[in-house]
Amino acid sequence: MTQTPIARGSHSVRFFESEESAHRTIAEYFIEDARLDDYCIMIARPGALAGVRRLLASNGARHFGTLKFVDAEEWFARFVRDGVLDREGVEDIVMQLLSQVPASAATAKVRLYGEFVDVLCERGHHAIALQMEDFAGLLFALEPRLSILCGYHIRHFGKHTDIGPLHDPISTVYAQGEETTPPGGAAVAEASLPVVYIVDDDASMRRSLGRLLTLSNWQVRMFDSAEAFLKEADALPDGCLVLDIQLGGMTGLDLIVLLAERGFRLPVIAMSGFHDESMEREAIRLGARAFLHKPFEPQILLDTIARVLRRA
C-alpha cells in the first residue's frame, strides 16, 4: 500500500479491511524516514503489536528508536464504565508517555498510532469514540513533533457514523490518496472530480460525511454554517452542495434562495433529520435537485451526488 507521509502536526486516518493491511501500514508509518532518536507509541490491540514486529523483523527494517506499547483493550476495561469514559485517566497516561520523549532531539519524530477509537466502535460506544477524536488538539499542543495515525477496520466504520452502514462488497482498502476504485464506481476515481461541499452544523455528521466521501475519492470541503459557506462561495470551484436544512442562523432553505438570487448554478442535495414533507417540497421547489432523510445509506448519497453532477 502506498502511503502519503504523515507530517508533524497531522492527524491522519486509515481504514482497513484486514489486520494484515493494518499492520503493514503501521510498520510503514513507523519506519518512514526513520531516525534512531524517533519515539513511537502504539495504543493498540496486542495482535497489532505482534504483527508489526513480525513485519519489521522479516523486512530487516532498521531500528527507528523507542517503541512504547499501550494495550487498547486494557484501556477499555480500565477507562470505560457503564458507558462513560474516564477521559482524565486516558489523558494522564498519554501525557505521561509524551513527557518521556527526550526534549533534546528537536529534529526527532514522535509518532503515535492509535486504535482505541476502533476498539470503542467495535463495542458499540460510538459517542465516546467521537469524544476521543477531539483529543488530538491537546496532544499537538503538548508535543509539536507529534504526528498521529488512527486505524479503523472498515467493518466498524458504518456503525461510527450518522449515515448508516457501509455495504459489501468492499474489495479493497479506501484511503485518501490511494489509486483505487471506490464504492461509487470507476468514474468517481477521476482526478478531475468536482468538489463536494458539506454544510451542516452537526460536527459529528460533518465528520461522517467527510470520511465517507474521502473514502470514495471525492474532494471535500466542509462548513459549519450557511454564513461560513457564503464567505467563500464566490471563490469556490464547481461542485455539488450537500446541505442540511435545519441550520442555526441562516437556514438551508434561505441559503438555496440566496444562491439562486446570486446566479450560482451549484447543484444542491438537501437533507434533514426531520421527516417533514412540506419542507421537502419547499426545498425541491426552491431548486434542490434531491432531498435525503437522515439517516441514509452511504451508497444513496454517493449515487445521488453522481446523478446530480451528471445533470449539472
Protein backbone atom coordinates (compact mmCIF):
# COMPACT_ATOMS: atom_id res chain seq x y z
CA MET A 1 0.00 0.00 0.00
CA THR A 2 1.39 3.38 -0.96
CA GLN A 3 1.09 5.83 1.88
CA THR A 4 1.23 9.58 1.90
CA PRO A 5 3.83 10.59 4.53
CA ILE A 6 2.20 11.92 7.68
CA ALA A 7 3.82 15.20 8.67
CA ARG A 8 4.27 16.62 12.15
CA GLY A 9 1.09 18.13 13.48
CA SER A 10 -1.03 15.88 11.26
CA HIS A 11 -3.86 13.62 12.38
CA SER A 12 -4.46 11.03 9.69
CA VAL A 13 -6.98 8.21 9.47
CA ARG A 14 -6.63 4.93 7.58
CA PHE A 15 -9.40 2.40 7.00
CA PHE A 16 -8.60 -1.31 6.72
CA GLU A 17 -10.48 -4.43 5.78
CA SER A 18 -7.90 -6.84 7.17
CA GLU A 19 -5.47 -6.95 10.08
CA GLU A 20 -2.62 -7.69 7.68
CA SER A 21 -3.16 -4.44 5.77
CA ALA A 22 -3.37 -2.53 9.05
CA HIS A 23 -0.11 -4.00 10.34
CA ARG A 24 1.66 -3.21 7.09
CA THR A 25 0.53 0.41 7.18
CA ILE A 26 1.58 0.86 10.82
CA ALA A 27 5.03 -0.56 10.09
CA GLU A 28 5.44 1.77 7.10
CA TYR A 29 4.32 4.72 9.22
CA PHE A 30 6.95 4.00 11.88
CA ILE A 31 9.89 3.46 9.51
CA GLU A 32 9.22 6.31 7.05
CA ASP A 33 12.47 8.37 7.15
CA ALA A 34 13.28 6.68 10.47
CA ARG A 35 15.90 8.03 12.86
CA LEU A 36 17.43 6.42 15.92
CA ASP A 37 16.04 9.19 18.14
CA ASP A 38 12.46 8.81 16.89
CA TYR A 39 9.86 7.97 19.52
CA CYS A 40 6.93 5.76 18.55
CA ILE A 41 3.81 4.92 20.55
CA MET A 42 1.26 2.21 19.81
CA ILE A 43 -2.11 2.36 21.57
CA ALA A 44 -3.42 -0.81 20.01
CA ARG A 45 -4.54 -4.40 20.41
CA PRO A 46 -1.78 -6.89 21.30
CA GLY A 47 -2.22 -8.57 17.92
CA ALA A 48 -1.30 -5.34 16.16
CA LEU A 49 1.96 -5.10 18.10
CA ALA A 50 2.86 -8.70 17.25
CA GLY A 51 2.01 -8.20 13.58
CA VAL A 52 4.05 -5.00 13.26
CA ARG A 53 7.06 -6.52 15.00
CA ARG A 54 6.87 -9.54 12.70
CA LEU A 55 6.83 -7.34 9.59
CA LEU A 56 9.72 -5.22 10.81
CA ALA A 57 11.80 -8.32 11.57
CA SER A 58 11.00 -10.07 8.27
CA ASN A 59 11.87 -6.98 6.23
CA GLY A 60 15.07 -6.28 8.12
CA ALA A 61 13.86 -2.78 8.88
CA ARG A 62 16.42 -0.59 10.55
CA HIS A 63 15.80 0.47 14.10
CA PHE A 64 13.64 3.57 14.45
CA GLY A 65 14.22 4.44 18.06
CA THR A 66 11.91 3.88 21.03
CA LEU A 67 8.63 1.98 20.75
CA LYS A 68 6.15 2.22 23.61
CA PHE A 69 3.07 -0.03 23.64
CA VAL A 70 -0.26 0.51 25.41
CA ASP A 71 -2.92 -2.21 25.28
CA ALA A 72 -6.09 -0.55 23.90
CA GLU A 73 -8.26 -3.43 25.14
CA GLU A 74 -6.95 -2.96 28.67
CA TRP A 75 -7.73 0.75 28.31
CA PHE A 76 -11.33 -0.14 27.51
CA ALA A 77 -11.65 -2.30 30.61
CA ARG A 78 -10.00 0.34 32.75
CA PHE A 79 -11.45 3.60 31.48
CA VAL A 80 -14.96 2.80 30.22
CA ARG A 81 -17.52 2.10 32.93
CA ASP A 82 -21.27 1.95 32.31
CA GLY A 83 -20.87 3.71 29.01
CA VAL A 84 -18.88 6.61 30.48
CA LEU A 85 -15.28 7.42 29.58
CA ASP A 86 -12.74 8.40 32.23
CA ARG A 87 -11.15 10.90 29.87
CA GLU A 88 -8.88 12.37 32.52
CA GLY A 89 -7.37 8.93 33.11
CA VAL A 90 -6.72 8.47 29.39
CA GLU A 91 -5.21 11.94 29.09
CA ASP A 92 -2.92 11.35 32.09
CA ILE A 93 -1.42 8.19 30.57
CA VAL A 94 -0.86 9.74 27.14
CA MET A 95 0.71 12.85 28.65
CA GLN A 96 2.98 10.65 30.77
CA LEU A 97 4.09 8.87 27.60
CA LEU A 98 4.78 12.16 25.83
CA SER A 99 6.65 13.51 28.84
CA GLN A 100 9.18 10.69 28.37
CA VAL A 101 10.19 11.93 24.91
CA PRO A 102 13.68 13.46 25.12
CA ALA A 103 13.40 17.21 24.67
CA SER A 104 16.95 17.44 23.29
CA ALA A 105 16.14 15.73 19.97
CA ALA A 106 14.47 18.69 18.29
CA THR A 107 14.53 17.02 14.87
CA ALA A 108 13.19 13.68 16.10
CA LYS A 109 9.80 12.46 15.01
CA VAL A 110 7.20 11.48 17.60
CA ARG A 111 4.68 9.12 16.04
CA LEU A 112 1.54 7.80 17.67
CA TYR A 113 -0.57 5.02 16.22
CA GLY A 114 -3.93 4.54 17.90
CA GLU A 115 -6.83 2.13 17.56
CA PHE A 116 -8.54 2.77 20.89
CA VAL A 117 -11.33 4.54 18.99
CA ASP A 118 -11.72 1.44 16.82
CA VAL A 119 -11.99 -0.69 19.98
CA LEU A 120 -14.72 1.65 21.23
CA CYS A 121 -16.57 1.40 17.91
CA GLU A 122 -16.26 -2.37 17.88
CA ARG A 123 -18.00 -2.47 21.25
CA GLY A 124 -20.72 -0.02 20.28
CA HIS A 125 -19.50 3.05 22.20
CA HIS A 126 -19.70 5.47 19.28
CA ALA A 127 -20.44 8.62 21.28
CA ILE A 128 -17.29 8.03 23.35
CA ALA A 129 -15.33 7.40 20.16
CA LEU A 130 -16.28 10.84 18.87
CA GLN A 131 -15.14 12.38 22.17
CA MET A 132 -11.74 10.73 21.79
CA GLU A 133 -11.27 12.08 18.27
CA ASP A 134 -11.22 15.62 19.67
CA PHE A 135 -8.27 14.66 21.90
CA ALA A 136 -5.69 15.24 19.15
CA GLY A 137 -5.60 19.03 19.53
CA LEU A 138 -4.42 18.79 23.13
CA LEU A 139 -1.67 16.34 22.20
CA PHE A 140 -0.32 18.53 19.41
CA ALA A 141 -0.15 21.46 21.85
CA LEU A 142 1.89 19.33 24.24
CA GLU A 143 4.23 17.85 21.63
CA PRO A 144 4.80 19.82 18.39
CA ARG A 145 6.92 16.99 16.92
CA LEU A 146 3.93 14.66 17.07
CA SER A 147 2.00 13.05 14.22
CA ILE A 148 -0.98 10.75 14.77
CA LEU A 149 -2.26 7.85 12.70
CA CYS A 150 -5.60 6.31 13.69
CA GLY A 151 -6.69 2.93 12.35
CA TYR A 152 -10.24 1.75 11.77
CA HIS A 153 -11.42 -1.57 10.42
CA ILE A 154 -13.88 -0.94 7.63
CA ARG A 155 -16.45 -3.23 9.26
CA HIS A 156 -16.70 -0.77 12.16
CA PHE A 157 -16.89 2.38 10.04
CA GLY A 158 -20.59 2.42 9.25
CA LYS A 159 -21.50 1.96 12.90
CA HIS A 160 -19.44 5.04 13.78
CA THR A 161 -21.46 7.43 11.59
CA ASP A 162 -24.86 9.02 11.40
CA ILE A 163 -25.40 7.78 7.84
CA GLY A 164 -25.89 4.06 8.27
CA PRO A 165 -23.62 1.10 7.48
CA LEU A 166 -21.34 0.68 4.52
CA HIS A 167 -22.44 -2.29 2.45
CA ASP A 168 -20.43 -5.14 0.95
CA PRO A 169 -18.85 -5.96 -1.32
CA ILE A 170 -15.75 -3.96 -0.46
CA SER A 171 -12.83 -5.33 -2.41
CA THR A 172 -10.06 -3.01 -1.33
CA VAL A 173 -8.97 -0.53 1.31
CA TYR A 174 -10.09 3.02 0.67
CA ALA A 175 -7.89 5.80 1.97
CA GLN A 176 -7.33 9.32 0.80
CA GLY A 177 -4.63 9.45 -1.85
CA GLU A 178 -4.83 5.80 -2.92
CA GLU A 179 -5.41 4.82 -6.52
CA THR A 180 -8.41 2.56 -6.00
CA THR A 181 -11.88 2.13 -7.41
CA PRO A 182 -14.29 3.49 -4.81
CA PRO A 183 -17.78 2.21 -3.97
CA GLY A 184 -19.36 4.81 -6.25
CA GLY A 185 -17.77 3.29 -9.35
CA ALA A 186 -14.75 3.90 -11.57
CA ALA A 187 -15.97 7.30 -12.70
CA VAL A 188 -15.72 8.60 -9.14
CA ALA A 189 -11.97 7.97 -9.07
CA GLU A 190 -11.17 10.51 -11.77
CA ALA A 191 -8.68 13.11 -10.58
CA SER A 192 -10.70 15.98 -12.09
CA LEU A 193 -13.77 15.40 -9.94
CA PRO A 194 -15.73 18.43 -8.75
CA VAL A 195 -15.62 19.31 -5.07
CA VAL A 196 -18.41 18.17 -2.76
CA TYR A 197 -19.28 20.92 -0.26
CA ILE A 198 -20.89 19.87 3.01
CA VAL A 199 -22.80 22.43 5.07
CA ASP A 200 -24.03 21.04 8.38
CA ASP A 201 -23.85 22.48 11.90
CA ASP A 202 -23.59 18.98 13.44
CA ALA A 203 -19.86 18.26 13.84
CA SER A 204 -20.45 14.51 14.06
CA MET A 205 -22.41 14.50 10.81
CA ARG A 206 -19.76 16.58 9.05
CA ARG A 207 -17.06 14.13 10.10
CA SER A 208 -19.15 11.17 8.99
CA LEU A 209 -19.91 12.61 5.58
CA GLY A 210 -16.37 13.86 5.11
CA ARG A 211 -14.94 10.41 5.77
CA LEU A 212 -17.42 8.67 3.53
CA LEU A 213 -16.70 10.99 0.61
CA THR A 214 -12.95 10.94 1.16
CA LEU A 215 -13.05 7.15 1.18
CA SER A 216 -14.84 7.37 -2.17
CA ASN A 217 -12.07 9.65 -3.53
CA TRP A 218 -14.17 12.81 -3.71
CA GLN A 219 -12.60 16.15 -2.90
CA VAL A 220 -14.43 17.53 0.14
CA ARG A 221 -14.83 20.93 1.81
CA MET A 222 -16.86 21.25 5.00
CA PHE A 223 -18.61 24.26 6.57
CA ASP A 224 -20.46 24.53 9.88
CA SER A 225 -22.93 27.19 8.75
CA ALA A 226 -24.52 28.78 5.70
CA GLU A 227 -22.76 32.02 6.59
CA ALA A 228 -19.33 30.34 6.58
CA PHE A 229 -20.04 28.83 3.16
CA LEU A 230 -21.19 32.18 1.72
CA LYS A 231 -17.97 33.89 2.80
CA GLU A 232 -16.05 31.67 0.38
CA ALA A 233 -18.72 30.87 -2.20
CA ASP A 234 -17.54 33.33 -4.86
CA ALA A 235 -14.06 31.78 -4.97
CA LEU A 236 -15.09 28.12 -4.80
CA PRO A 237 -14.68 25.88 -7.87
CA ASP A 238 -17.61 24.00 -9.35
CA GLY A 239 -19.03 21.08 -7.44
CA CYS A 240 -22.04 19.90 -5.52
CA LEU A 241 -23.54 21.20 -2.27
CA VAL A 242 -24.80 18.74 0.37
CA LEU A 243 -26.86 20.98 2.62
CA ASP A 244 -28.63 20.45 5.92
CA ILE A 245 -31.93 22.31 6.03
CA GLN A 246 -32.14 22.82 9.81
CA LEU A 247 -29.15 25.09 10.32
CA GLY A 248 -28.76 27.56 13.15
CA GLY A 249 -28.73 31.15 11.88
CA MET A 250 -29.41 31.19 8.15
CA THR A 251 -31.36 28.06 7.27
CA GLY A 252 -30.61 25.73 4.41
CA LEU A 253 -33.73 26.94 2.59
CA ASP A 254 -32.55 30.54 2.96
CA LEU A 255 -29.18 29.57 1.50
CA ILE A 256 -30.78 27.88 -1.52
CA VAL A 257 -32.76 31.05 -2.24
CA LEU A 258 -29.74 33.32 -1.83
CA LEU A 259 -27.53 31.19 -4.08
CA ALA A 260 -30.19 31.27 -6.79
CA GLU A 261 -30.51 35.05 -6.49
CA ARG A 262 -26.76 35.41 -6.91
CA GLY A 263 -26.73 33.23 -10.00
CA PHE A 264 -24.92 30.22 -8.57
CA ARG A 265 -25.55 27.04 -10.57
CA LEU A 266 -24.23 24.73 -7.87
CA PRO A 267 -26.48 21.64 -7.67
CA VAL A 268 -27.89 21.20 -4.17
CA ILE A 269 -28.70 17.98 -2.32
CA ALA A 270 -30.82 18.94 0.68
CA MET A 271 -31.04 16.73 3.77
CA SER A 272 -32.85 16.75 7.06
CA GLY A 273 -33.29 14.63 10.16
CA PHE A 274 -36.97 15.66 10.30
CA HIS A 275 -39.46 13.87 8.08
CA ASP A 276 -41.42 16.96 7.05
CA GLU A 277 -42.99 16.56 3.62
CA SER A 278 -43.77 20.27 3.30
CA MET A 279 -40.13 21.14 3.94
CA GLU A 280 -39.04 18.60 1.35
CA ARG A 281 -41.45 20.02 -1.23
CA GLU A 282 -40.26 23.55 -0.49
CA ALA A 283 -36.59 22.60 -0.88
CA ILE A 284 -37.28 21.00 -4.26
CA ARG A 285 -39.43 23.96 -5.33
CA LEU A 286 -36.62 26.35 -4.49
CA GLY A 287 -34.15 24.40 -6.61
CA ALA A 288 -32.67 21.48 -4.66
CA ARG A 289 -32.01 18.56 -7.02
CA ALA A 290 -32.66 15.90 -4.37
CA PHE A 291 -33.74 15.52 -0.75
CA LEU A 292 -32.37 12.89 1.65
CA HIS A 293 -33.77 11.94 5.04
CA LYS A 294 -31.21 11.27 7.79
CA PRO A 295 -30.09 8.63 8.50
CA PHE A 296 -29.49 7.43 4.95
CA GLU A 297 -27.36 4.70 3.46
CA PRO A 298 -23.94 5.81 2.19
CA GLN A 299 -24.47 4.43 -1.30
CA ILE A 300 -27.64 6.50 -1.69
CA LEU A 301 -25.64 9.68 -1.11
CA LEU A 302 -22.85 8.60 -3.47
CA ASP A 303 -25.35 7.73 -6.20
CA THR A 304 -27.23 10.98 -5.70
CA ILE A 305 -24.05 13.07 -5.97
CA ALA A 306 -23.06 11.30 -9.18
CA ARG A 307 -26.57 11.76 -10.61
CA VAL A 308 -26.94 15.49 -9.89
CA LEU A 309 -23.46 16.24 -11.20
CA ARG A 310 -24.19 14.42 -14.44
CA ARG A 311 -27.20 16.67 -14.91
CA ALA A 312 -25.43 19.88 -13.82
